[in-house]
Amino acid sequence: MQQLTIVTPQPERPKRRLPKWLKRPLPSTEMAFTSNVIEDLNLETVCESAKCPNRTECWAQKTATFMILGNVCTRPCGFCSVPKGKTGEILIDEPERVAEAAARLGLKYVVITCVTRDDLPDGGAEHFYECVLAVREKTGADVEVLTSDFRGNRASISRVIEARPDVFNHNVESVPRLYSRVRRNAIYQRSLDLLKQVKDEAPDMPTKSGLMLGLGETFDEVLEVASDLRGVGCDMLTMGQYLQPSPEQLPVERFVPPEEFDELGEQCRKLGFSMVASGPFVRSSYHAGEMAAEATS
């Protein structure tokens, strides 16, 4: 008689309930104008692609973070919900469409980010350059870029610097110990080197970086990263709570309470950043214009 093998099912990891400080308002009709502009001009936003929890608030205020170079990324980061896989062609009219969207929305401060395009020789740097110039010519707005690491290609980084963005942002995202899980195919030192290059080539250009918390990092590790960022001249720092965009991404290890964000912010300010934004809903481009204005005032 054949013996049956009894398999004990493994218990599913319990879903974490959002604490009260992480509740956000439901979508409102005030978002419609921004949504229609984005759809009409066939643009991508990190607000939608990354399932940002602040989209309701930002779109209701007629602001968005434009994502260029397509909507497919070549990096398999564990935290990000942007689609991964085969990338498409760069659309040469995208700079003009981004500029037109900024004009229709009446933006005085524009944030442009991108998917990582390791398949392109320059990582998309020339396209970034064209987008910055197009927005500035069309609107006269200040422009913040939030770039990939361009695989450390110094010529690509220099090309974006030549566009003279008002803020050069590149996120380190997490602490080095977690990179193999959180930010695969990225190199912590390479990100620091990028920020240092910006300061070396354009000392007066404000630089900025950001961290997600709640993925298993420790308080001391966060402070060590902040110290490393100051060591390469980084001016501004954002720290916010990681929220799992969908079941395919990494689970939240811990919801960091607001008072801990406050303490981290206070400790980081002592390192000499011109501006630190630290809180559960802080994101790299959230209230970016106000942050830049406060940092330079």
Foldseek 3Di string as FASTA:
>chain_A
DDDDDDDDDDDDDDADDDPPVPDDDDADPLLVVLVVLCVVLVFDFCCPQQVARCSRVQSSLLATATAAQAQEACFDFQQGNRHYDDGDDHDPCVLLSLLVSCVSSVDQEYEYEYHACLVDQLRCLVVLLSNLVNNCVSRVHQYEYEYELSLLPLVSLVSNVVSVHQEYEYALAEFQVCCVHGPNPDDSVSSLVSLLSSCVVPVVRAYEYEYEDQQDDDLVRVVVSLLSNVVSPHAEYEYAYRDRSDPSHDHGNDDDDFVSQVVSQVSSVVSPHLYYHTGHSIDPCVVVVVRSVSSVD
